[in-house]
C-alpha atoms as a PDB file:
ATOM      1  CA  MET A   1      -0.005  19.896  71.248  1.00  0.00           C
ATOM      2  CA  LYS A   2       1.037  18.446  67.594  1.00  0.00           C
ATOM      3  CA  THR A   3      -2.506  17.228  66.826  1.00  0.00           C
ATOM      4  CA  ILE A   4      -3.355  21.101  67.657  1.00  0.00           C
ATOM      5  CA  LYS A   5      -1.197  22.422  66.020  1.00  0.00           C
ATOM      6  CA  LYS A   6      -1.957  20.558  62.925  1.00  0.00           C
ATOM      7  CA  LEU A   7      -5.714  21.440  63.162  1.00  0.00           C
ATOM      8  CA  THR A   8      -4.871  24.916  63.191  1.00  0.00           C
ATOM      9  CA  ILE A   9      -2.718  24.688  60.026  1.00  0.00           C
ATOM     10  CA  LEU A  10      -5.281  22.975  58.348  1.00  0.00           C
ATOM     11  CA  VAL A  11      -7.947  25.338  59.015  1.00  0.00           C
ATOM     12  CA  ALA A  12      -5.927  28.121  57.878  1.00  0.00           C
ATOM     13  CA  ILE A  13      -5.619  26.591  54.729  1.00  0.00           C
ATOM     14  CA  LEU A  14      -9.092  25.685  54.237  1.00  0.00           C
ATOM     15  CA  LEU A  15      -9.768  29.353  55.243  1.00  0.00           C
ATOM     16  CA  ILE A  16      -7.667  30.657  52.193  1.00  0.00           C
ATOM     17  CA  VAL A  17      -8.801  28.462  50.117  1.00  0.00           C
ATOM     18  CA  ALA A  18     -12.335  29.368  50.601  1.00  0.00           C
ATOM     19  CA  ALA A  19     -11.477  32.997  50.256  1.00  0.00           C
ATOM     20  CA  SER A  20      -9.819  32.398  47.147  1.00  0.00           C
ATOM     21  CA  THR A  21     -12.841  30.633  45.557  1.00  0.00           C
ATOM     22  CA  LEU A  22     -15.476  33.878  47.285  1.00  0.00           C
ATOM     23  CA  PHE A  23     -13.477  36.452  46.206  1.00  0.00           C
ATOM     24  CA  GLY A  24     -11.642  35.512  42.884  1.00  0.00           C
ATOM     25  CA  ILE A  25      -8.316  36.235  41.936  1.00  0.00           C
ATOM     26  CA  ASN A  26      -8.786  39.556  40.539  1.00  0.00           C
ATOM     27  CA  ASN A  27     -10.372  40.848  43.845  1.00  0.00           C
ATOM     28  CA  MET A  28      -7.017  39.679  45.431  1.00  0.00           C
ATOM     29  CA  THR A  29      -5.311  43.365  46.983  1.00  0.00           C
ATOM     30  CA  ASP A  30      -1.447  43.625  47.281  1.00  0.00           C
ATOM     31  CA  ARG A  31      -2.075  43.587  50.390  1.00  0.00           C
ATOM     32  CA  ASP A  32      -3.654  39.826  50.486  1.00  0.00           C
ATOM     33  CA  ILE A  33      -1.106  38.671  48.341  1.00  0.00           C
ATOM     34  CA  ASN A  34       1.525  39.474  50.771  1.00  0.00           C
ATOM     35  CA  ASP A  35      -0.322  37.947  53.757  1.00  0.00           C
ATOM     36  CA  TRP A  36      -0.855  34.648  51.630  1.00  0.00           C
ATOM     37  CA  VAL A  37       2.932  34.485  50.656  1.00  0.00           C
ATOM     38  CA  ARG A  38       4.185  35.288  54.711  1.00  0.00           C
ATOM     39  CA  TYR A  39       2.232  32.349  55.671  1.00  0.00           C
ATOM     40  CA  ALA A  40       3.676  29.966  52.822  1.00  0.00           C
ATOM     41  CA  LEU A  41       7.006  31.030  53.920  1.00  0.00           C
ATOM     42  CA  ARG A  42       6.558  30.409  57.637  1.00  0.00           C
ATOM     43  CA  HIS A  43       5.122  26.617  56.650  1.00  0.00           C
ATOM     44  CA  ASP A  44       8.010  26.027  54.387  1.00  0.00           C
ATOM     45  CA  GLU A  45      10.846  24.416  55.992  1.00  0.00           C
ATOM     46  CA  HIS A  46      13.452  24.722  53.963  1.00  0.00           C
ATOM     47  CA  VAL A  47      12.814  28.392  54.821  1.00  0.00           C
ATOM     48  CA  ASP A  48      13.273  30.690  57.841  1.00  0.00           C
ATOM     49  CA  ALA A  49       9.982  33.211  57.200  1.00  0.00           C
ATOM     50  CA  SER A  50      11.491  35.424  60.431  1.00  0.00           C
ATOM     51  CA  LYS A  51      14.314  36.519  58.114  1.00  0.00           C
ATOM     52  CA  ILE A  52      12.903  37.355  55.134  1.00  0.00           C
ATOM     53  CA  THR A  53      11.093  40.604  54.206  1.00  0.00           C
ATOM     54  CA  VAL A  54       8.111  40.398  52.321  1.00  0.00           C
ATOM     55  CA  SER A  55       6.257  43.446  50.092  1.00  0.00           C
ATOM     56  CA  THR A  56       3.844  43.505  47.097  1.00  0.00           C
ATOM     57  CA  LYS A  57       3.064  46.610  44.324  1.00  0.00           C
ATOM     58  CA  ASN A  58       1.133  45.809  41.401  1.00  0.00           C
ATOM     59  CA  ARG A  59       1.077  41.861  42.123  1.00  0.00           C
ATOM     60  CA  ILE A  60       4.497  41.937  41.875  1.00  0.00           C
ATOM     61  CA  VAL A  61       6.201  40.643  45.006  1.00  0.00           C
ATOM     62  CA  THR A  62      10.035  41.572  46.456  1.00  0.00           C
ATOM     63  CA  LEU A  63      11.391  39.153  48.675  1.00  0.00           C
ATOM     64  CA  SER A  64      14.436  40.885  50.536  1.00  0.00           C
ATOM     65  CA  GLY A  65      16.105  39.767  53.874  1.00  0.00           C
ATOM     66  CA  LYS A  66      19.238  37.619  54.871  1.00  0.00           C
ATOM     67  CA  THR A  67      19.835  33.601  54.524  1.00  0.00           C
ATOM     68  CA  ASP A  68      22.980  31.302  54.868  1.00  0.00           C
ATOM     69  CA  ASN A  69      21.948  29.075  52.474  1.00  0.00           C
ATOM     70  CA  LEU A  70      22.157  29.387  48.732  1.00  0.00           C
ATOM     71  CA  ALA A  71      18.964  26.888  48.131  1.00  0.00           C
ATOM     72  CA  THR A  72      16.915  28.804  50.881  1.00  0.00           C
ATOM     73  CA  LYS A  73      16.759  32.101  48.588  1.00  0.00           C
ATOM     74  CA  SER A  74      15.259  29.354  45.727  1.00  0.00           C
ATOM     75  CA  TYR A  75      12.543  27.837  48.210  1.00  0.00           C
ATOM     76  CA  ALA A  76      11.533  31.320  49.361  1.00  0.00           C
ATOM     77  CA  ASP A  77      11.160  32.601  45.251  1.00  0.00           C
ATOM     78  CA  LYS A  78       9.283  29.028  44.623  1.00  0.00           C
ATOM     79  CA  GLU A  79       6.717  29.597  47.417  1.00  0.00           C
ATOM     80  CA  ALA A  80       5.680  33.006  46.849  1.00  0.00           C
ATOM     81  CA  LYS A  81       5.247  32.312  42.932  1.00  0.00           C
ATOM     82  CA  LYS A  82       2.902  29.445  44.041  1.00  0.00           C
ATOM     83  CA  ILE A  83       0.533  32.039  45.107  1.00  0.00           C
ATOM     84  CA  ASN A  84      -2.366  32.812  42.564  1.00  0.00           C
ATOM     85  CA  GLY A  85      -2.438  36.315  41.457  1.00  0.00           C
ATOM     86  CA  VAL A  86       1.187  36.946  41.757  1.00  0.00           C
ATOM     87  CA  LEU A  87       2.990  38.247  38.134  1.00  0.00           C
ATOM     88  CA  GLY A  88       6.290  37.839  39.352  1.00  0.00           C
ATOM     89  CA  VAL A  89       9.165  37.859  41.916  1.00  0.00           C
ATOM     90  CA  ILE A  90      11.753  40.113  42.486  1.00  0.00           C
ATOM     91  CA  ASN A  91      14.616  38.161  44.831  1.00  0.00           C
ATOM     92  CA  LYS A  92      17.271  40.183  46.637  1.00  0.00           C
ATOM     93  CA  ILE A  93      17.095  37.825  49.513  1.00  0.00           C
ATOM     94  CA  ILE A  94      21.246  38.002  50.130  1.00  0.00           C
ATOM     95  CA  VAL A  95      22.863  35.138  50.678  1.00  0.00           C
ATOM     96  CA  LEU A  96      25.720  35.111  53.559  1.00  0.00           C
ATOM     97  CA  PRO A  97      27.022  31.671  53.657  1.00  0.00           C
ATOM     98  CA  ILE A  98      29.381  30.546  56.465  1.00  0.00           C
ATOM     99  CA  ARG A  99      33.350  30.702  56.034  1.00  0.00           C
ATOM    100  CA  ARG A 100      34.141  26.959  54.930  1.00  0.00           C
ATOM    101  CA  SER A 101      37.673  25.857  52.997  1.00  0.00           C
ATOM    102  CA  ASP A 102      36.938  25.506  49.092  1.00  0.00           C
ATOM    103  CA  THR A 103      38.314  22.212  49.766  1.00  0.00           C
ATOM    104  CA  ASP A 104      36.038  20.982  52.467  1.00  0.00           C
ATOM    105  CA  ILE A 105      33.216  22.676  49.870  1.00  0.00           C
ATOM    106  CA  ARG A 106      34.469  20.506  47.043  1.00  0.00           C
ATOM    107  CA  HIS A 107      34.467  17.415  48.802  1.00  0.00           C
ATOM    108  CA  GLU A 108      30.810  17.760  50.019  1.00  0.00           C
ATOM    109  CA  VAL A 109      29.338  18.521  46.625  1.00  0.00           C
ATOM    110  CA  GLN A 110      31.158  15.747  45.402  1.00  0.00           C
ATOM    111  CA  ARG A 111      30.220  13.879  48.376  1.00  0.00           C
ATOM    112  CA  ARG A 112      26.514  14.351  47.346  1.00  0.00           C
ATOM    113  CA  ILE A 113      26.762  13.717  43.919  1.00  0.00           C
ATOM    114  CA  LEU A 114      28.023  10.324  44.326  1.00  0.00           C
ATOM    115  CA  ASN A 115      25.455   9.368  46.704  1.00  0.00           C
ATOM    116  CA  SER A 116      22.713  11.127  44.797  1.00  0.00           C
ATOM    117  CA  ALA A 117      19.671   8.343  43.866  1.00  0.00           C
ATOM    118  CA  VAL A 118      18.920  10.634  40.404  1.00  0.00           C
ATOM    119  CA  ILE A 119      22.711  11.225  39.231  1.00  0.00           C
ATOM    120  CA  GLU A 120      24.269   8.314  37.295  1.00  0.00           C
ATOM    121  CA  SER A 121      26.881  10.051  35.576  1.00  0.00           C
ATOM    122  CA  GLU A 122      30.518   9.375  36.636  1.00  0.00           C
ATOM    123  CA  ARG A 123      33.528  12.101  36.389  1.00  0.00           C
ATOM    124  CA  LEU A 124      31.432  15.146  36.797  1.00  0.00           C
ATOM    125  CA  ASN A 125      33.994  17.955  37.315  1.00  0.00           C
ATOM    126  CA  VAL A 126      33.338  20.366  40.774  1.00  0.00           C
ATOM    127  CA  THR A 127      35.702  23.665  41.408  1.00  0.00           C
ATOM    128  CA  SER A 128      35.063  25.813  44.412  1.00  0.00           C
ATOM    129  CA  VAL A 129      36.752  29.396  44.285  1.00  0.00           C
ATOM    130  CA  ASP A 130      35.355  31.720  47.210  1.00  0.00           C
ATOM    131  CA  GLY A 131      32.415  29.717  47.412  1.00  0.00           C
ATOM    132  CA  LYS A 132      31.813  29.991  44.000  1.00  0.00           C
ATOM    133  CA  VAL A 133      31.262  26.325  42.384  1.00  0.00           C
ATOM    134  CA  THR A 134      31.239  25.115  39.032  1.00  0.00           C
ATOM    135  CA  LEU A 135      29.843  22.102  38.076  1.00  0.00           C
ATOM    136  CA  SER A 136      31.311  20.861  34.271  1.00  0.00           C
ATOM    137  CA  GLY A 137      31.353  17.573  32.056  1.00  0.00           C
ATOM    138  CA  GLU A 138      28.648  15.050  30.575  1.00  0.00           C
ATOM    139  CA  VAL A 139      25.238  13.816  31.801  1.00  0.00           C
ATOM    140  CA  SER A 140      22.602  11.417  30.457  1.00  0.00           C
ATOM    141  CA  THR A 141      19.867  13.354  31.003  1.00  0.00           C
ATOM    142  CA  SER A 142      18.881  17.556  32.196  1.00  0.00           C
ATOM    143  CA  THR A 143      17.492  16.023  34.926  1.00  0.00           C
ATOM    144  CA  GLU A 144      20.726  14.947  36.312  1.00  0.00           C
ATOM    145  CA  ALA A 145      22.317  18.334  35.360  1.00  0.00           C
ATOM    146  CA  LEU A 146      18.964  20.060  37.576  1.00  0.00           C
ATOM    147  CA  GLU A 147      20.063  17.680  40.229  1.00  0.00           C
ATOM    148  CA  ALA A 148      23.558  18.290  40.474  1.00  0.00           C
ATOM    149  CA  VAL A 149      22.697  21.864  40.717  1.00  0.00           C
ATOM    150  CA  LEU A 150      20.060  21.234  43.573  1.00  0.00           C
ATOM    151  CA  LEU A 151      22.497  19.481  45.436  1.00  0.00           C
ATOM    152  CA  THR A 152      24.896  21.731  45.433  1.00  0.00           C
ATOM    153  CA  SER A 153      23.180  24.829  46.464  1.00  0.00           C
ATOM    154  CA  GLU A 154      22.207  23.052  49.469  1.00  0.00           C
ATOM    155  CA  VAL A 155      25.711  23.082  50.912  1.00  0.00           C
ATOM    156  CA  ARG A 156      26.890  25.468  53.769  1.00  0.00           C
ATOM    157  CA  GLY A 157      29.462  27.686  52.298  1.00  0.00           C
ATOM    158  CA  VAL A 158      28.607  27.846  48.597  1.00  0.00           C
ATOM    159  CA  LYS A 159      27.774  31.555  47.405  1.00  0.00           C
ATOM    160  CA  GLU A 160      27.116  30.598  43.555  1.00  0.00           C
ATOM    161  CA  VAL A 161      26.364  27.587  41.279  1.00  0.00           C
ATOM    162  CA  LYS A 162      27.976  27.806  37.442  1.00  0.00           C
ATOM    163  CA  ASN A 163      26.135  25.116  35.745  1.00  0.00           C
ATOM    164  CA  ASN A 164      28.430  24.014  32.521  1.00  0.00           C
ATOM    165  CA  LEU A 165      27.125  20.354  32.376  1.00  0.00           C
ATOM    166  CA  THR A 166      26.045  18.702  29.101  1.00  0.00           C
ATOM    167  CA  PRO A 167      23.463  16.648  28.763  1.00  0.00           C
ATOM    168  CA  HIS A 168      24.504  13.566  26.005  1.00  0.00           C
ATOM    169  CA  TRP A 169      21.531  11.409  24.615  1.00  0.00           C
ATOM    170  CA  LYS A 170      22.470   8.182  23.026  1.00  0.00           C
ATOM    171  CA  ASN A 171      19.682   8.541  20.333  1.00  0.00           C
ATOM    172  CA  GLU A 172      18.761  10.856  18.133  1.00  0.00           C
ATOM    173  CA  ARG A 173      15.316  12.448  18.027  1.00  0.00           C
ATOM    174  CA  SER A 174      13.571  14.579  15.436  1.00  0.00           C
ATOM    175  CA  ASP A 175      12.301  17.709  16.162  1.00  0.00           C
ATOM    176  CA  ASP A 176       8.362  16.720  15.652  1.00  0.00           C
ATOM    177  CA  GLU A 177       9.062  13.550  18.095  1.00  0.00           C
ATOM    178  CA  ILE A 178       9.900  16.432  20.805  1.00  0.00           C
ATOM    179  CA  LYS A 179       6.898  18.758  20.240  1.00  0.00           C
ATOM    180  CA  ASN A 180       4.793  15.423  20.603  1.00  0.00           C
ATOM    181  CA  ASP A 181       6.102  14.793  23.679  1.00  0.00           C
ATOM    182  CA  VAL A 182       6.572  18.321  24.980  1.00  0.00           C
ATOM    183  CA  VAL A 183       2.446  19.125  24.264  1.00  0.00           C
ATOM    184  CA  ALA A 184       1.783  15.960  25.780  1.00  0.00           C
ATOM    185  CA  THR A 185       4.014  16.465  28.732  1.00  0.00           C
ATOM    186  CA  LEU A 186       1.816  20.167  29.298  1.00  0.00           C
ATOM    187  CA  GLU A 187      -1.588  18.575  28.638  1.00  0.00           C
ATOM    188  CA  ARG A 188      -1.380  16.262  31.342  1.00  0.00           C
ATOM    189  CA  ASP A 189      -0.463  18.420  34.010  1.00  0.00           C
ATOM    190  CA  VAL A 190      -2.920  19.069  36.338  1.00  0.00           C
ATOM    191  CA  TYR A 191      -1.741  22.643  36.289  1.00  0.00           C
ATOM    192  CA  LEU A 192      -0.990  23.047  32.733  1.00  0.00           C
ATOM    193  CA  GLY A 193      -3.490  21.144  30.862  1.00  0.00           C
ATOM    194  CA  ASP A 194      -6.628  23.813  30.258  1.00  0.00           C
ATOM    195  CA  LEU A 195      -3.878  26.937  29.633  1.00  0.00           C
ATOM    196  CA  PRO A 196      -3.293  28.464  26.013  1.00  0.00           C
ATOM    197  CA  ILE A 197       0.167  27.028  25.481  1.00  0.00           C
ATOM    198  CA  THR A 198       1.945  27.007  22.286  1.00  0.00           C
ATOM    199  CA  VAL A 199       4.878  25.005  21.546  1.00  0.00           C
ATOM    200  CA  SER A 200       7.435  25.295  18.390  1.00  0.00           C
ATOM    201  CA  VAL A 201      10.627  23.156  18.501  1.00  0.00           C
ATOM    202  CA  ASN A 202      13.895  23.828  16.283  1.00  0.00           C
ATOM    203  CA  LYS A 203      17.042  21.946  15.948  1.00  0.00           C
ATOM    204  CA  GLY A 204      15.961  20.630  19.699  1.00  0.00           C
ATOM    205  CA  VAL A 205      15.186  24.091  21.237  1.00  0.00           C
ATOM    206  CA  VAL A 206      11.806  24.654  22.347  1.00  0.00           C
ATOM    207  CA  THR A 207      10.080  27.740  22.523  1.00  0.00           C
ATOM    208  CA  LEU A 208       6.890  28.148  24.903  1.00  0.00           C
ATOM    209  CA  THR A 209       4.545  30.780  23.833  1.00  0.00           C
ATOM    210  CA  GLY A 210       0.966  31.662  25.392  1.00  0.00           C
ATOM    211  CA  LEU A 211      -0.323  32.531  28.804  1.00  0.00           C
ATOM    212  CA  VAL A 212      -0.004  31.363  31.902  1.00  0.00           C
ATOM    213  CA  GLY A 213      -2.088  32.224  34.970  1.00  0.00           C
ATOM    214  CA  SER A 214       0.773  32.610  37.597  1.00  0.00           C
ATOM    215  CA  ALA A 215       4.842  32.935  37.481  1.00  0.00           C
ATOM    216  CA  TYR A 216       4.361  29.358  39.441  1.00  0.00           C
ATOM    217  CA  GLU A 217       2.811  28.042  36.319  1.00  0.00           C
ATOM    218  CA  LYS A 218       5.545  29.559  33.971  1.00  0.00           C
ATOM    219  CA  ASP A 219       7.837  28.159  35.675  1.00  0.00           C
ATOM    220  CA  LEU A 220       6.367  24.950  35.993  1.00  0.00           C
ATOM    221  CA  ALA A 221       6.057  24.347  32.477  1.00  0.00           C
ATOM    222  CA  LYS A 222       9.904  24.858  31.430  1.00  0.00           C
ATOM    223  CA  SER A 223      10.339  22.197  34.501  1.00  0.00           C
ATOM    224  CA  ASP A 224       8.295  19.718  33.209  1.00  0.00           C
ATOM    225  CA  ILE A 225      10.061  19.489  29.862  1.00  0.00           C
ATOM    226  CA  SER A 226      13.392  19.736  31.028  1.00  0.00           C
ATOM    227  CA  CYS A 227      12.793  15.647  31.570  1.00  0.00           C
ATOM    228  CA  ILE A 228      12.202  15.103  27.841  1.00  0.00           C
ATOM    229  CA  SER A 229      15.238  13.481  26.311  1.00  0.00           C
ATOM    230  CA  ASN A 230      17.089  15.639  23.567  1.00  0.00           C
ATOM    231  CA  VAL A 231      15.496  19.068  24.713  1.00  0.00           C
ATOM    232  CA  LYS A 232      18.627  21.270  24.115  1.00  0.00           C
ATOM    233  CA  VAL A 233      17.744  24.919  25.527  1.00  0.00           C
ATOM    234  CA  ILE A 234      14.009  26.130  26.283  1.00  0.00           C
ATOM    235  CA  LYS A 235      12.966  29.691  25.700  1.00  0.00           C
ATOM    236  CA  ASN A 236      10.013  30.145  27.846  1.00  0.00           C
ATOM    237  CA  ASP A 237       8.284  33.122  26.465  1.00  0.00           C
ATOM    238  CA  LEU A 238       4.798  32.245  28.087  1.00  0.00           C
ATOM    239  CA  LYS A 239       2.918  35.820  29.744  1.00  0.00           C
ATOM    240  CA  VAL A 240       1.605  35.718  33.080  1.00  0.00           C
ATOM    241  CA  ARG A 241      -2.364  36.823  32.648  1.00  0.00           C
ATOM    242  CA  LEU A 242      -4.641  36.439  35.855  1.00  0.00           C
ATOM    243  CA  PHE A 243      -7.164  34.466  34.732  1.00  0.00           C
ATOM    244  CA  LEU A 244     -11.173  33.240  36.260  1.00  0.00           C
ATOM    245  CA  ASN A 245     -12.049  30.977  33.638  1.00  0.00           C
ATOM    246  CA  ARG A 246      -9.089  28.376  33.008  1.00  0.00           C
ATOM    247  CA  GLY A 247      -9.790  28.184  29.316  1.00  0.00           C
ATOM    248  CA  SER A 248     -11.090  25.085  27.508  1.00  0.00           C
ATOM    249  CA  ARG A 249      -9.440  21.628  27.259  1.00  0.00           C
ATOM    250  CA  LYS A 250      -8.922  20.069  24.227  1.00  0.00           C
ATOM    251  CA  LYS A 251      -9.727  16.910  25.419  1.00  0.00           C
ATOM    252  CA  ASN A 252     -11.533  15.592  27.561  1.00  0.00           C
ATOM    253  CA  PRO A 253     -10.684  16.005  31.901  1.00  0.00           C
ATOM    254  CA  ASN A 254     -12.670  13.104  33.118  1.00  0.00           C
ATOM    255  CA  PRO A 255     -10.772  10.250  31.555  1.00  0.00           C
ATOM    256  CA  SER A 256     -11.514   6.655  31.536  1.00  0.00           C
ATOM    257  CA  ASP A 257      -9.944   4.078  33.984  1.00  0.00           C
ATOM    258  CA  ASP A 258      -7.904   2.542  31.311  1.00  0.00           C
ATOM    259  CA  GLU A 259      -6.896   6.340  29.580  1.00  0.00           C
ATOM    260  CA  LEU A 260      -5.544   7.466  32.983  1.00  0.00           C
ATOM    261  CA  LYS A 261      -3.758   4.380  33.546  1.00  0.00           C
ATOM    262  CA  LYS A 262      -2.285   4.850  29.899  1.00  0.00           C
ATOM    263  CA  SER A 263      -1.410   8.243  31.030  1.00  0.00           C
ATOM    264  CA  VAL A 264       0.286   7.899  34.156  1.00  0.00           C
ATOM    265  CA  LEU A 265       2.759   5.309  32.694  1.00  0.00           C
ATOM    266  CA  ALA A 266       3.539   7.962  29.959  1.00  0.00           C
ATOM    267  CA  VAL A 267       4.406  10.755  32.254  1.00  0.00           C
ATOM    268  CA  LEU A 268       6.293   7.933  34.373  1.00  0.00           C
ATOM    269  CA  SER A 269       8.155   6.407  31.665  1.00  0.00           C
ATOM    270  CA  GLN A 270       9.152  10.094  30.149  1.00  0.00           C
ATOM    271  CA  ASP A 271      10.810  10.967  34.044  1.00  0.00           C
ATOM    272  CA  THR A 272      13.929  10.026  33.254  1.00  0.00           C
ATOM    273  CA  ARG A 273      14.768   9.845  37.481  1.00  0.00           C
ATOM    274  CA  VAL A 274      12.652   6.881  37.124  1.00  0.00           C
ATOM    275  CA  ASN A 275      12.684   3.260  36.183  1.00  0.00           C
ATOM    276  CA  VAL A 276       8.985   2.252  35.238  1.00  0.00           C
ATOM    277  CA  SER A 277       9.977  -1.258  34.552  1.00  0.00           C
ATOM    278  CA  GLY A 278       9.013  -2.207  38.377  1.00  0.00           C
ATOM    279  CA  ILE A 279       6.467  -0.311  38.721  1.00  0.00           C
ATOM    280  CA  THR A 280       2.616  -1.217  38.570  1.00  0.00           C
ATOM    281  CA  VAL A 281      -0.581   1.067  38.330  1.00  0.00           C
ATOM    282  CA  ARG A 282      -4.099   0.284  39.162  1.00  0.00           C
ATOM    283  CA  VAL A 283      -6.694   2.648  38.166  1.00  0.00           C
ATOM    284  CA  THR A 284     -10.227   2.935  39.953  1.00  0.00           C
ATOM    285  CA  SER A 285     -12.938   5.567  39.256  1.00  0.00           C
ATOM    286  CA  GLY A 286      -9.718   7.866  39.391  1.00  0.00           C
ATOM    287  CA  HIS A 287      -8.183   6.101  42.269  1.00  0.00           C
ATOM    288  CA  VAL A 288      -4.807   5.035  41.573  1.00  0.00           C
ATOM    289  CA  ILE A 289      -2.560   2.277  43.098  1.00  0.00           C
ATOM    290  CA  LEU A 290       1.078   2.308  42.700  1.00  0.00           C
ATOM    291  CA  GLY A 291       2.758  -0.972  43.160  1.00  0.00           C
ATOM    292  CA  GLY A 292       6.036  -2.998  42.982  1.00  0.00           C
ATOM    293  CA  SER A 293       9.221  -1.523  43.835  1.00  0.00           C
ATOM    294  CA  VAL A 294      11.551   1.115  43.114  1.00  0.00           C
ATOM    295  CA  LYS A 295      15.464   2.037  44.182  1.00  0.00           C
ATOM    296  CA  ASN A 296      14.715   4.289  47.139  1.00  0.00           C
ATOM    297  CA  SER A 297      12.217   6.291  48.870  1.00  0.00           C
ATOM    298  CA  TYR A 298      13.035   9.595  46.853  1.00  0.00           C
ATOM    299  CA  GLU A 299      12.116   7.532  43.321  1.00  0.00           C
ATOM    300  CA  LYS A 300       8.855   6.662  45.441  1.00  0.00           C
ATOM    301  CA  ASP A 301       8.139  10.118  46.201  1.00  0.00           C
ATOM    302  CA  ILE A 302       8.890  11.163  42.367  1.00  0.00           C
ATOM    303  CA  VAL A 303       6.913   8.290  40.934  1.00  0.00           C
ATOM    304  CA  GLU A 304       3.531   9.764  43.550  1.00  0.00           C
ATOM    305  CA  LYS A 305       4.165  13.448  42.660  1.00  0.00           C
ATOM    306  CA  ASP A 306       4.488  12.753  38.843  1.00  0.00           C
ATOM    307  CA  THR A 307       0.823  10.808  39.573  1.00  0.00           C
ATOM    308  CA  LYS A 308      -0.873  13.119  40.999  1.00  0.00           C
ATOM    309  CA  ASP A 309      -0.060  16.006  38.795  1.00  0.00           C
ATOM    310  CA  VAL A 310      -1.808  13.889  36.033  1.00  0.00           C
ATOM    311  CA  VAL A 311      -5.435  14.888  34.549  1.00  0.00           C
ATOM    312  CA  GLY A 312      -7.702  13.034  35.609  1.00  0.00           C
ATOM    313  CA  VAL A 313      -6.401  11.434  39.162  1.00  0.00           C
ATOM    314  CA  GLY A 314      -8.533  11.967  42.182  1.00  0.00           C
ATOM    315  CA  PHE A 315      -5.808  10.522  44.907  1.00  0.00           C
ATOM    316  CA  VAL A 316      -3.219   7.768  45.225  1.00  0.00           C
ATOM    317  CA  THR A 317      -2.264   4.863  47.009  1.00  0.00           C
ATOM    318  CA  ASN A 318       1.581   4.531  47.209  1.00  0.00           C
ATOM    319  CA  ASN A 319       1.914   0.991  47.712  1.00  0.00           C
ATOM    320  CA  LEU A 320       5.558   1.074  46.310  1.00  0.00           C
ATOM    321  CA  VAL A 321       8.207  -0.979  48.202  1.00  0.00           C
ATOM    322  CA  CYS A 322      12.047   0.634  48.680  1.00  0.00           C
ATOM    323  CA  THR A 323      15.019  -2.190  47.716  1.00  0.00           C
ATOM    324  CA  ARG A 324      17.658   0.101  48.918  1.00  0.00           C
ATOM    325  CA  GLY A 325      16.278   1.807  51.888  1.00  0.00           C
ATOM    326  CA  ASN A 326      15.574   5.698  52.699  1.00  0.00           C
ATOM    327  CA  GLN A 327      17.497   7.764  50.291  1.00  0.00           C
ATOM    328  CA  ASN A 328      17.813  12.118  50.085  1.00  0.00           C
ATOM    329  CA  ARG A 329      15.900  14.166  50.269  1.00  0.00           C
ATOM    330  CA  GLN A 330      11.475  14.246  50.447  1.00  0.00           C
ATOM    331  CA  VAL A 331       9.577  15.372  47.273  1.00  0.00           C
ATOM    332  CA  TYR A 332       7.261  18.889  48.092  1.00  0.00           C
ATOM    333  CA  PRO A 333       5.106  19.175  45.108  1.00  0.00           C
ATOM    334  CA  GLY A 334       3.292  22.452  45.960  1.00  0.00           C
ATOM    335  CA  ARG A 335      -0.301  21.257  44.906  1.00  0.00           C
ATOM    336  CA  ARG A 336      -2.595  24.155  43.568  1.00  0.00           C
END
């Protein structure tokens, strides 16, 4: 039965891909978008699609319904934005968490942060008042702050998360250094590398302007650069426009194996969640083979996702060994 179910899902995905190729994004109706969003929600294990209603008007998707988990609302929002043709998402999902004491909520949040493979900072402050959690203190990177917010949102009973965490960087960097990293990161991303995006940096504040093809790509651009050191604030002024032609790349989309290896290593080195010192990368005709060791399965998944999203990568063989066993969650890249 499991094999039949997997084959059914595979056939459905192939039909969706074929339909998008045949008719093009601009020929998709609101009804088409509605169907695709519902399909995506049904196949995300974080979401109970039976409790969520989807409606679409002028390519703007509205999600409504109820959930007992704050993270589920975020996952549903992301799945809807991934669908090509979606210009925006209005998330009206109401979070009705189970009743728990603030003491229990605070203790579970603290335990998750303490056990996180990503968060290395200590003495983060957690308060909970009527299920509304506030995180405060200093973290080493913006990635740690984002991870803390995600972990908190997954805790049962949490109604709201307020992020007062402040990144503290050991070394200062010039705006030009930050801009070079931002531009290189966007160009390496398989989703974003051919889009007309302009980057400006002023005193660590990064501003993105230009065009992207979907609401998901707009969010992804901000997510990509949030891991870059010394980025204080991100102003995401990107506009969503539908593209039949994805634009023109400034660089060759088919890099040599040596260029591809350098790009993969650059991406991994820039991701503060990854310790690249124990990782080896081999590339043969676009096939990337990851070797060496990482701390845990969470870091292993991050390395594979980062590698897959590099322009020019055909497929990835992940031979990384975890030195501390399996910890934390699986990463779902949601590739186009």
